[in-house]
Protein backbone atom coordinates (compact mmCIF):
# COMPACT_ATOMS: atom_id res chain seq x y z
CA MET A 1 -28.43 128.64 7.57
CA GLY A 2 -29.55 130.71 4.33
CA GLY A 3 -30.16 127.80 1.89
CA GLY A 4 -32.43 124.66 2.54
CA LYS A 5 -35.29 125.17 5.34
CA ALA A 6 -34.81 125.20 8.81
CA VAL A 7 -35.61 123.45 11.33
CA ILE A 8 -36.98 124.78 14.36
CA ALA A 9 -34.82 122.76 17.70
CA PRO A 10 -36.81 121.47 20.47
CA SER A 11 -37.27 124.47 23.33
CA ALA A 12 -34.28 124.83 25.39
CA ALA A 13 -34.61 124.89 29.86
CA LEU A 14 -35.38 127.70 31.13
CA GLY A 15 -32.30 130.20 31.09
CA ASP A 16 -30.45 128.41 28.59
CA VAL A 17 -29.07 130.99 26.19
CA VAL A 18 -31.16 130.72 23.15
CA ILE A 19 -29.92 133.19 20.67
CA GLU A 20 -26.59 134.96 20.88
CA ALA A 21 -25.45 137.88 19.06
CA ILE A 22 -21.13 138.20 18.71
CA GLY A 23 -19.09 141.25 17.99
CA ILE A 24 -22.15 142.22 15.42
CA GLY A 25 -20.67 145.33 13.79
CA LYS A 26 -22.94 147.07 10.71
CA THR A 27 -21.72 150.62 8.75
CA PHE A 28 -24.29 152.71 6.88
CA PRO A 29 -23.57 155.30 4.27
CA GLY A 30 -22.35 157.81 6.49
CA THR A 31 -23.24 155.91 9.58
CA ARG A 32 -21.57 153.06 12.37
CA ALA A 33 -24.85 151.68 13.15
CA LEU A 34 -23.02 148.67 14.75
CA ASP A 35 -19.43 148.30 16.43
CA GLY A 36 -18.84 145.14 18.12
CA VAL A 37 -22.15 144.67 19.57
CA ASN A 38 -22.97 141.65 22.33
CA LEU A 39 -26.38 140.27 22.54
CA THR A 40 -27.33 137.06 24.69
CA VAL A 41 -31.28 136.20 25.20
CA ARG A 42 -32.04 132.96 27.46
CA ALA A 43 -35.30 130.75 27.25
CA GLY A 44 -38.18 132.25 29.33
CA ARG A 45 -36.75 135.83 29.92
CA LEU A 46 -37.54 139.19 28.02
CA MET A 47 -34.37 141.30 27.65
CA ALA A 48 -35.25 144.95 27.20
CA LEU A 49 -32.74 146.68 24.95
CA LEU A 50 -32.84 149.88 25.28
CA GLY A 51 -30.77 153.50 24.07
CA GLU A 52 -31.86 156.41 22.55
CA ASN A 53 -32.90 156.64 18.65
CA GLY A 54 -30.23 156.15 16.62
CA ALA A 55 -28.54 154.02 19.64
CA GLY A 56 -28.09 151.07 16.88
CA LYS A 57 -31.29 148.70 18.48
CA SER A 58 -33.49 148.79 15.62
CA THR A 59 -30.75 148.14 13.11
CA LEU A 60 -29.70 145.19 15.48
CA MET A 61 -32.95 143.77 15.42
CA ASN A 62 -32.90 143.87 12.18
CA ILE A 63 -29.85 141.67 11.82
CA LEU A 64 -30.97 138.81 14.17
CA ALA A 65 -34.52 138.98 12.13
CA GLY A 66 -32.75 138.67 8.58
CA VAL A 67 -34.00 141.49 7.40
CA PHE A 68 -30.05 142.47 6.58
CA PRO A 69 -26.59 140.52 7.29
CA PRO A 70 -24.37 142.04 9.70
CA ASP A 71 -21.04 143.64 8.27
CA GLU A 72 -19.01 141.63 10.72
CA GLY A 73 -19.56 139.10 13.71
CA THR A 74 -21.50 136.17 14.24
CA ILE A 75 -25.12 135.03 15.24
CA GLN A 76 -25.60 132.44 17.19
CA MET A 77 -28.71 129.90 18.09
CA ASP A 78 -28.05 126.64 20.18
CA GLY A 79 -24.15 127.58 20.65
CA GLN A 80 -24.44 127.38 16.16
CA SER A 81 -23.67 130.02 14.11
CA VAL A 82 -26.34 130.78 11.35
CA ARG A 83 -27.13 133.21 8.45
CA PHE A 84 -30.34 134.15 6.95
CA ALA A 85 -31.22 135.38 4.24
CA ASN A 86 -34.53 137.24 4.74
CA PRO A 87 -37.37 137.18 7.78
CA GLN A 88 -38.64 134.07 6.08
CA ARG A 89 -35.62 132.06 6.98
CA ALA A 90 -35.68 133.22 10.32
CA LEU A 91 -38.85 133.34 10.83
CA ALA A 92 -38.50 129.29 10.30
CA ALA A 93 -35.54 129.11 12.58
CA GLY A 94 -38.26 129.73 15.09
CA ILE A 95 -37.46 134.48 15.18
CA GLY A 96 -40.17 136.62 15.25
CA ILE A 97 -40.27 140.25 15.08
CA VAL A 98 -43.21 142.66 15.26
CA PHE A 99 -41.95 145.83 13.92
CA GLN A 100 -42.33 149.62 15.75
CA GLU A 101 -44.02 150.57 11.87
CA LEU A 102 -46.05 148.50 11.33
CA SER A 103 -45.72 146.12 8.10
CA LEU A 104 -49.32 144.13 7.50
CA ILE A 105 -50.54 144.77 3.57
CA PRO A 106 -53.72 147.42 4.40
CA TYR A 107 -55.85 145.56 1.78
CA LEU A 108 -55.36 141.93 2.56
CA SER A 109 -57.91 140.16 5.51
CA VAL A 110 -56.40 140.30 8.99
CA ALA A 111 -56.53 136.48 8.35
CA GLU A 112 -54.58 136.65 5.24
CA ASN A 113 -51.66 138.89 7.24
CA LEU A 114 -51.73 136.12 9.64
CA PHE A 115 -50.43 133.54 7.43
CA LEU A 116 -48.76 135.75 4.54
CA GLY A 117 -46.16 133.44 3.13
CA ARG A 118 -47.38 130.17 5.34
CA GLU A 119 -51.23 129.60 4.41
CA PRO A 120 -52.78 126.24 5.33
CA ARG A 121 -52.76 123.74 2.74
CA SER A 122 -55.22 121.77 1.27
CA ALA A 123 -54.22 117.96 -0.20
CA SER A 124 -55.16 119.91 -3.47
CA GLY A 125 -52.43 122.19 -2.68
CA LEU A 126 -55.24 125.26 -2.51
CA ILE A 127 -55.16 127.68 0.25
CA ASP A 128 -57.84 125.92 3.07
CA THR A 129 -59.76 128.96 3.72
CA ARG A 130 -61.57 127.04 6.83
CA ARG A 131 -58.67 126.10 8.39
CA LEU A 132 -56.87 129.90 7.38
CA LEU A 133 -60.45 131.64 9.22
CA ALA A 134 -60.43 128.73 12.25
CA GLU A 135 -56.51 129.11 12.74
CA SER A 136 -56.85 132.75 12.67
CA THR A 137 -59.57 133.31 14.62
CA ALA A 138 -57.40 131.62 17.76
CA ALA A 139 -54.96 134.01 17.45
CA LEU A 140 -56.81 136.65 17.36
CA GLN A 141 -58.35 135.20 20.48
CA ARG A 142 -54.77 134.90 22.25
CA VAL A 143 -54.51 138.88 21.80
CA ASP A 144 -57.61 139.50 22.71
CA LEU A 145 -58.73 141.27 19.86
CA ALA A 146 -62.63 141.27 18.86
CA VAL A 147 -62.39 141.15 15.40
CA ASP A 148 -64.11 139.17 12.00
CA PRO A 149 -60.93 137.63 10.71
CA THR A 150 -62.15 138.49 6.98
CA THR A 151 -61.58 141.95 7.88
CA LEU A 152 -59.01 144.24 5.46
CA VAL A 153 -56.60 145.73 7.92
CA ALA A 154 -57.50 148.83 6.12
CA ASP A 155 -60.63 149.22 7.90
CA LEU A 156 -59.12 148.55 11.73
CA ARG A 157 -57.52 150.75 13.55
CA ILE A 158 -53.70 151.71 14.16
CA GLY A 159 -53.62 150.02 17.98
CA GLN A 160 -56.15 146.70 16.16
CA GLN A 161 -53.42 146.38 13.45
CA GLN A 162 -50.38 145.96 16.34
CA LEU A 163 -52.49 143.38 17.95
CA VAL A 164 -52.94 141.88 14.36
CA GLU A 165 -49.04 142.04 14.53
CA ILE A 166 -48.16 140.64 17.63
CA ALA A 167 -51.07 137.73 16.74
CA ARG A 168 -49.09 136.90 13.57
CA ALA A 169 -45.59 136.66 15.68
CA ILE A 170 -47.21 134.51 18.05
CA SER A 171 -49.00 132.46 15.80
CA ALA A 172 -45.74 131.01 13.61
CA HIS A 173 -44.51 129.24 17.34
CA VAL A 174 -41.03 131.45 17.77
CA ARG A 175 -38.47 130.43 20.09
CA VAL A 176 -37.77 134.03 20.04
CA LEU A 177 -39.91 136.92 19.80
CA ILE A 178 -38.39 140.56 19.44
CA LEU A 179 -40.87 143.29 20.31
CA ASP A 180 -40.03 146.81 19.04
CA GLU A 181 -42.45 149.34 20.56
CA PRO A 182 -45.19 146.57 21.00
CA THR A 183 -47.20 149.33 23.10
CA SER A 184 -47.09 152.43 20.86
CA SER A 185 -50.65 152.22 19.67
CA LEU A 186 -52.37 149.93 22.51
CA SER A 187 -54.74 150.89 24.89
CA GLY A 188 -54.27 150.57 28.76
CA HIS A 189 -56.61 146.95 28.36
CA GLU A 190 -55.15 146.23 24.95
CA VAL A 191 -51.16 146.78 26.96
CA GLU A 192 -52.49 144.43 29.84
CA VAL A 193 -53.61 141.74 27.31
CA LEU A 194 -50.42 141.76 25.54
CA TYR A 195 -48.25 141.35 29.45
CA GLY A 196 -50.78 138.47 29.77
CA VAL A 197 -49.05 137.45 26.68
CA ILE A 198 -45.52 137.67 27.23
CA ARG A 199 -46.72 135.72 30.90
CA GLU A 200 -47.51 133.06 28.78
CA LEU A 201 -44.78 132.89 26.25
CA LYS A 202 -42.00 132.98 28.82
CA ARG A 203 -43.57 129.96 30.58
CA ARG A 204 -43.40 128.29 27.53
CA GLY A 205 -39.44 129.16 27.12
CA VAL A 206 -39.92 131.15 24.41
CA ALA A 207 -36.95 133.72 24.93
CA LEU A 208 -37.78 137.63 23.96
CA VAL A 209 -36.33 140.81 23.50
CA TYR A 210 -38.05 143.79 23.99
CA ILE A 211 -37.36 147.69 22.73
CA THR A 212 -39.29 150.93 24.76
CA HIS A 213 -39.00 153.91 25.49
CA LYS A 214 -41.20 153.97 27.91
CA PHE A 215 -39.78 153.09 31.70
CA GLU A 216 -42.76 152.26 33.99
CA GLU A 217 -43.73 149.09 31.19
CA LEU A 218 -40.38 147.07 32.51
CA ALA A 219 -41.51 145.88 35.78
CA ALA A 220 -44.27 144.12 34.29
CA VAL A 221 -42.55 142.09 31.86
CA CYS A 222 -38.46 142.70 32.45
CA ASP A 223 -35.86 140.47 33.49
CA ASP A 224 -32.32 141.40 32.26
CA VAL A 225 -31.51 144.75 30.34
CA THR A 226 -28.92 145.69 27.59
CA ILE A 227 -28.19 149.26 26.75
CA LEU A 228 -26.67 150.69 23.69
CA ARG A 229 -25.17 154.28 23.13
CA ASP A 230 -24.13 155.10 19.42
CA GLY A 231 -24.03 151.09 18.15
CA ARG A 232 -21.90 149.92 21.12
CA VAL A 233 -22.63 148.24 24.49
CA VAL A 234 -22.45 150.41 27.62
CA GLY A 235 -24.26 148.16 29.91
CA THR A 236 -25.94 145.05 30.94
CA ALA A 237 -28.00 143.69 34.18
CA LEU A 238 -30.39 142.26 35.52
CA PHE A 239 -33.31 144.58 35.99
CA ARG A 240 -34.12 144.77 39.54
CA ASP A 241 -30.08 145.71 39.82
CA LEU A 242 -30.90 149.14 37.88
CA THR A 243 -33.05 152.47 38.87
CA ARG A 244 -34.49 154.36 36.16
CA ASP A 245 -31.59 157.05 36.47
CA ALA A 246 -28.77 154.75 36.36
CA MET A 247 -30.86 153.12 32.70
CA VAL A 248 -31.01 157.30 31.74
CA ARG A 249 -27.80 158.28 32.81
CA LEU A 250 -26.26 155.15 30.97
CA MET A 251 -28.17 155.76 27.36
CA ALA A 252 -27.21 159.47 27.38
CA GLY A 253 -24.00 159.06 29.32
CA ARG A 254 -24.66 162.05 31.57
CA ASP A 255 -26.83 162.59 34.40
CA THR A 256 -30.63 162.75 33.81
CA THR A 257 -33.10 165.19 35.43
CA GLU A 258 -36.24 166.09 35.62
CA LEU A 259 -37.56 165.36 32.35
CA TYR A 260 -39.30 168.43 31.39
CA GLN A 261 -40.53 171.95 32.70
CA LYS A 262 -42.87 173.87 31.59
CA VAL A 263 -42.14 177.47 31.18
CA ALA A 264 -44.82 179.55 32.50
CA PHE A 265 -46.65 181.68 29.65
CA THR A 266 -49.56 184.05 29.62
CA PRO A 267 -51.55 183.82 26.36
CA GLY A 268 -52.16 185.91 24.26
CA GLU A 269 -55.86 186.52 21.91
CA GLU A 270 -57.83 183.38 20.41
CA ILE A 271 -56.57 182.18 17.06
CA LEU A 272 -58.73 178.98 16.67
CA ARG A 273 -62.49 178.11 17.54
CA THR A 274 -64.91 175.26 16.37
CA ARG A 275 -68.90 175.41 17.21
CA GLY A 276 -70.64 171.65 17.17
CA LEU A 277 -67.48 170.31 14.62
CA SER A 278 -68.59 166.86 13.60
CA LEU A 279 -67.49 164.10 11.11
CA THR A 280 -69.36 161.38 9.99
CA GLY A 281 -67.85 157.56 9.73
CA SER A 282 -66.82 156.35 6.67
CA GLY A 283 -69.22 153.42 7.08
CA VAL A 284 -67.13 151.66 9.43
CA GLY A 285 -67.85 151.89 13.43
CA ARG A 286 -69.61 154.45 14.84
CA ARG A 287 -72.03 157.24 12.64
CA PHE A 288 -70.01 160.15 14.36
CA LEU A 289 -65.87 159.41 14.84
CA VAL A 290 -65.71 163.42 16.32
CA ASP A 291 -69.12 164.43 17.50
CA GLN A 292 -70.55 168.35 18.47
CA VAL A 293 -66.81 169.62 19.62
CA SER A 294 -66.45 172.94 20.23
CA LEU A 295 -62.90 174.44 21.41
CA SER A 296 -60.88 177.54 21.38
CA LEU A 297 -57.04 177.88 20.99
CA ARG A 298 -54.87 181.58 21.70
CA ARG A 299 -51.44 182.23 20.64
CA GLY A 300 -48.64 180.90 22.42
CA GLU A 301 -51.07 178.01 23.73
CA VAL A 302 -50.74 174.72 24.38
CA VAL A 303 -54.12 172.49 24.28
CA GLY A 304 -53.43 168.93 25.05
CA VAL A 305 -56.27 166.08 23.73
CA PHE A 306 -56.05 163.04 25.31
CA GLY A 307 -58.59 160.31 24.46
CA LEU A 308 -58.31 156.19 24.90
CA VAL A 309 -57.62 154.56 21.75
CA GLY A 310 -60.80 155.54 18.84
CA ALA A 311 -61.93 158.47 21.12
CA GLY A 312 -61.60 160.70 17.97
CA ARG A 313 -58.34 162.49 18.63
CA THR A 314 -56.23 161.74 15.42
CA GLU A 315 -60.12 162.54 13.80
CA LEU A 316 -60.24 165.52 15.47
CA LEU A 317 -56.99 166.52 14.04
CA GLU A 318 -57.75 165.14 10.31
CA ALA A 319 -61.33 167.86 10.34
CA LEU A 320 -59.26 170.15 11.58
CA PHE A 321 -56.63 169.85 8.70
CA GLY A 322 -59.04 169.63 5.95
CA LEU A 323 -58.61 166.53 5.35
CA HIS A 324 -62.18 165.12 5.19
CA PRO A 325 -64.16 168.22 3.41
CA ASP A 326 -67.55 165.92 2.45
CA ARG A 327 -67.97 164.20 6.27
CA VAL A 328 -66.97 167.27 8.56
CA THR A 329 -69.81 169.96 9.47
CA GLY A 330 -69.84 172.97 12.29
CA GLU A 331 -67.91 175.92 12.47
CA LEU A 332 -64.25 176.98 11.95
CA VAL A 333 -62.96 179.99 12.85
CA VAL A 334 -59.45 181.08 12.29
CA GLU A 335 -58.24 184.13 13.19
CA GLY A 336 -61.71 185.79 13.67
CA ARG A 337 -62.74 184.69 10.47
CA ALA A 338 -65.14 181.51 9.36
CA VAL A 339 -63.28 179.24 6.80
CA ARG A 340 -64.04 175.86 5.57
CA PHE A 341 -61.02 174.00 3.83
CA GLU A 342 -61.95 172.12 0.98
CA SER A 343 -58.44 170.62 0.96
CA PRO A 344 -55.25 170.21 3.63
CA ALA A 345 -53.65 173.06 1.33
CA ASP A 346 -56.31 175.48 2.17
CA ALA A 347 -55.48 174.40 5.43
CA ILE A 348 -51.88 175.48 5.06
CA ALA A 349 -52.84 178.56 3.15
CA ALA A 350 -54.57 179.83 6.53
CA GLY A 351 -51.22 179.04 8.62
CA ILE A 352 -52.55 175.71 9.39
CA ALA A 353 -49.60 172.18 10.11
CA LEU A 354 -50.48 168.81 10.80
CA ALA A 355 -48.15 166.51 12.35
CA PRO A 356 -48.92 163.27 11.97
CA GLU A 357 -49.45 159.80 14.17
CA ASP A 358 -48.00 157.88 11.48
CA ARG A 359 -44.63 159.22 9.91
CA LYS A 360 -43.62 156.69 7.70
CA ARG A 361 -47.55 155.97 5.97
CA ASP A 362 -48.68 160.20 6.01
CA GLY A 363 -45.87 161.87 6.91
CA LEU A 364 -42.89 161.16 4.86
CA VAL A 365 -41.67 160.21 1.49
CA LEU A 366 -39.28 157.05 2.61
CA PRO A 367 -37.28 157.10 0.04
CA MET A 368 -36.27 160.93 -0.80
CA SER A 369 -33.69 162.75 0.55
CA VAL A 370 -33.80 164.91 3.54
CA ALA A 371 -34.14 168.18 1.85
CA ALA A 372 -36.53 166.99 -0.41
CA ASN A 373 -39.26 165.77 2.65
CA ALA A 374 -38.24 168.93 4.50
CA SER A 375 -39.46 171.26 2.23
CA LEU A 376 -42.06 169.24 0.90
CA ALA A 377 -44.73 171.73 1.80
CA SER A 378 -43.07 174.46 1.22
CA LEU A 379 -41.63 173.86 -1.88
CA ASP A 380 -42.31 177.09 -3.90
CA ARG A 381 -39.33 178.55 -1.86
CA ALA A 382 -37.08 176.35 -3.48
CA LEU A 383 -38.05 176.92 -7.09
CA ARG A 384 -36.28 178.81 -9.04
CA ALA A 385 -37.40 179.34 -12.41
CA GLY A 386 -39.65 176.52 -11.78
CA PHE A 387 -37.07 173.76 -10.83
CA VAL A 388 -35.40 173.10 -7.57
CA SER A 389 -32.90 175.01 -6.52
CA GLU A 390 -31.00 172.76 -4.04
CA ARG A 391 -29.34 175.78 -2.55
CA ARG A 392 -32.41 177.57 -2.31
CA GLU A 393 -33.47 174.18 -1.01
CA SER A 394 -31.01 174.08 1.55
CA SER A 395 -30.89 177.48 2.66
CA TYR A 396 -33.58 177.38 4.39
CA VAL A 397 -34.79 173.25 5.43
CA GLY A 398 -31.23 173.57 7.17
CA PRO A 399 -31.41 176.09 9.85
CA TYR A 400 -34.40 173.61 10.63
CA ILE A 401 -32.27 170.62 10.38
CA ASP A 402 -29.74 171.83 12.88
CA ARG A 403 -32.23 173.31 15.21
CA PHE A 404 -34.01 169.81 16.42
CA ARG A 405 -30.49 168.41 15.92
CA ILE A 406 -31.25 165.88 13.28
CA LYS A 407 -28.30 163.62 12.99
CA ILE A 408 -27.90 163.08 9.04
CA ALA A 409 -24.42 162.68 7.11
CA SER A 410 -25.81 164.98 4.55
CA LEU A 411 -29.19 166.63 3.58
CA ASN A 412 -29.18 164.02 0.27
CA GLN A 413 -29.07 161.04 2.92
CA ARG A 414 -32.25 159.34 2.40
CA VAL A 415 -34.98 159.48 5.04
CA VAL A 416 -35.17 155.56 5.09
CA ASP A 417 -31.93 155.20 6.63
CA LEU A 418 -32.98 157.58 9.64
CA SER A 419 -33.55 156.18 12.99
CA GLY A 420 -37.34 156.74 13.76
CA GLY A 421 -36.56 160.15 15.62
CA ASN A 422 -34.77 161.45 13.18
CA GLN A 423 -37.68 160.60 11.17
CA GLN A 424 -39.93 163.01 13.42
CA LYS A 425 -37.66 165.43 14.15
CA VAL A 426 -37.11 165.96 9.56
CA ILE A 427 -41.21 165.24 9.93
CA LEU A 428 -41.69 168.84 12.27
CA ALA A 429 -38.75 170.21 10.49
CA LYS A 430 -41.17 169.82 7.16
CA TRP A 431 -43.55 171.80 8.79
CA LEU A 432 -42.15 174.70 10.81
CA ALA A 433 -40.30 175.42 7.17
CA THR A 434 -44.53 176.56 6.26
CA ALA A 435 -44.26 178.75 8.72
CA PRO A 436 -47.67 178.18 11.03
CA LYS A 437 -49.61 180.03 12.68
CA ILE A 438 -51.32 176.72 14.04
CA LEU A 439 -49.97 173.74 15.15
CA LEU A 440 -51.01 170.39 15.09
CA LEU A 441 -49.09 167.54 16.86
CA ASP A 442 -50.10 164.20 16.85
CA GLU A 443 -48.55 161.92 18.92
CA PRO A 444 -45.39 164.07 17.96
CA THR A 445 -43.12 161.81 20.48
CA ARG A 446 -44.02 158.58 19.85
CA GLY A 447 -41.29 155.93 19.92
CA ILE A 448 -38.96 158.88 20.63
CA ASP A 449 -36.62 158.03 23.19
CA VAL A 450 -35.98 159.97 26.70
CA ASN A 451 -33.78 162.54 25.65
CA ALA A 452 -35.16 163.74 22.43
CA LYS A 453 -38.37 163.88 24.20
CA ARG A 454 -37.03 166.29 26.22
CA GLU A 455 -36.04 168.32 23.21
CA ILE A 456 -39.35 168.16 21.61
CA TYR A 457 -41.04 168.84 24.42
CA ALA A 458 -38.53 171.59 24.67
CA PHE A 459 -39.33 173.26 21.10
CA ILE A 460 -42.91 172.49 21.80
CA ASP A 461 -42.26 175.43 24.83
CA GLU A 462 -40.28 177.34 22.52
CA LEU A 463 -42.96 177.43 20.25
CA ALA A 464 -45.56 178.60 22.28
CA ARG A 465 -43.67 180.97 23.71
CA ALA A 466 -42.81 182.87 20.24
CA GLY A 467 -46.94 183.11 19.95
CA LEU A 468 -48.15 179.31 17.60
CA GLY A 469 -51.16 177.58 19.02
CA LEU A 470 -50.74 173.97 19.45
CA ILE A 471 -52.55 171.19 19.65
CA VAL A 472 -51.03 168.16 20.73
CA VAL A 473 -52.34 164.71 20.86
CA SER A 474 -50.97 161.91 22.81
CA SER A 475 -52.01 158.66 24.58
CA GLU A 476 -49.40 159.34 27.57
CA LEU A 477 -51.28 161.07 30.00
CA PRO A 478 -48.11 162.37 32.14
CA GLU A 479 -47.11 164.18 28.54
CA VAL A 480 -50.03 166.12 28.07
CA LEU A 481 -50.40 166.66 31.27
CA ALA A 482 -46.21 168.24 31.54
CA LEU A 483 -47.30 169.85 28.17
CA SER A 484 -50.63 171.28 28.29
CA ASP A 485 -52.17 175.01 29.69
CA ARG A 486 -55.80 173.41 28.93
CA VAL A 487 -56.45 169.89 28.89
CA LEU A 488 -59.89 168.40 26.38
CA VAL A 489 -61.13 165.05 26.78
CA LEU A 490 -62.52 162.95 24.54
CA ARG A 491 -64.93 159.93 24.28
CA GLU A 492 -66.53 158.22 21.70
CA GLY A 493 -66.05 161.22 19.60
CA ARG A 494 -67.12 163.87 22.13
CA VAL A 495 -65.52 166.27 24.77
CA THR A 496 -66.34 164.73 28.07
CA ALA A 497 -64.62 167.03 29.75
CA GLU A 498 -62.38 170.31 29.58
CA PHE A 499 -59.54 170.77 32.49
CA ALA A 500 -57.41 173.87 33.16
CA ARG A 501 -53.47 173.13 34.16
CA ALA A 502 -53.74 173.29 37.23
CA ASP A 503 -57.07 171.00 37.67
CA ALA A 504 -56.26 168.46 35.36
CA THR A 505 -54.98 165.79 37.88
CA PRO A 506 -54.69 161.78 36.81
CA GLU A 507 -57.57 160.21 38.45
CA ARG A 508 -60.09 163.81 37.39
CA VAL A 509 -59.05 163.33 33.30
CA LEU A 510 -58.60 159.07 33.29
CA HIS A 511 -62.08 159.42 34.47
CA ALA A 512 -63.11 161.49 31.95
CA ALA A 513 -62.10 158.95 29.67
CA LEU A 514 -63.25 155.90 30.72
CA PRO A 515 -66.63 154.23 29.46
CA ASP A 516 -69.60 154.33 31.03
CA SER A 517 -68.70 151.30 32.12
CA SER A 518 -65.71 152.21 34.00
CA ARG A 519 -63.74 149.67 31.57
CA VAL A 520 -60.80 150.31 28.90
CA ALA A 521 -62.21 150.38 25.49
CA SER A 522 -60.36 147.79 23.17
């Protein structure tokens, strides 16, 4: 099926095999990503594909979706062998994928992104703009996203962009839909909308593959489970027959204990304080993205920041890091000294580091090596006579790579070839190489598997006990409650509550985060 236009076959009956991977193998330089993998996906059922970062989940899905070919094995649809030259061929055959890392084009409109490469045409062959907007509006309504289809994608929140990705896939009338961490940026309301879309697709006989690290999501949508470990299938079962511990045991190859237990520790003196910190909007949305926020942070303390999508969590960290100097007002005090950052370089010089939410867009240079990325924020340490010395670079970057147990063939391996979890660890290594006093972490475990999470949680705890002050933003409430000594709750840019660890119950934190109307914002 690599040449010619693919034709979507009639829908299969519920329960029939739609797509099957048989003996799939794939090798990248230094890594055996998949080794004899089999996967069967049936009409009207959702297959959860689980595994630690680097287990081969995304590689397998990329092969199914035509991103790259397998080295060994075959893909069958409706019993016929298929091979797709590119994702467009796969989509034409009825296979859609929503990637974990957003693949939208920021400076095209929502409508243009929804129908990119398959725009409706008039009789003259030109794009039928009226039909494009009408069909885009219908697609957005299916995911309950109330935005104008002429809006630039760059002007949307990341959660809204995720919904556009989902709308794009289902608007193609796919027979197989692959969802890779689809809820990683969604609010509670948006997640419920997604579940409704999934149930509708299952009723229509669409076969779904769902990659997630959030086990609590599975009960709402899952029928079958396949678990990968080190590029091999280690278990396939009905979801109802598996416990959470059994799934984690198969993923990790060992028994699991409680995810994380914070070590009791008494923080030291104040290292950071803000008074009335505000960040004005950039012409889209509300006037203040951060509105009169006052907070303090002590050495050895972890302050968690929780809020619904759009609450201003990311914007608060960006304001602290000097990313928007012309739009920030209020007082910022670091180690007892009032400061004003005109750029992130000023913040780094003051001992502040920011690990951003969108690692591929803001945290990494994907074509560059692991060593080059890890040294990027502290490049002066690697210079010799004005040139980068690979020996110096590896001497101070290497220990951080080892400390995080980043799975690489060598320091020269390209970051783009790493799993999402290992990419996140490279970002943390990069910032720790700057020897920061204050570490700002925006969704530090987004797209990270359960055991990698445990490693990062323990490392956050270790950094705090070493005297760093940490501010951690997370959309996962259990994560905020587990990590934090104190919890700040944001709503529409304002702090609505502050809780000591002992007082921060899920109910109290959520109540402070919800809008006055008691509805979760979309």
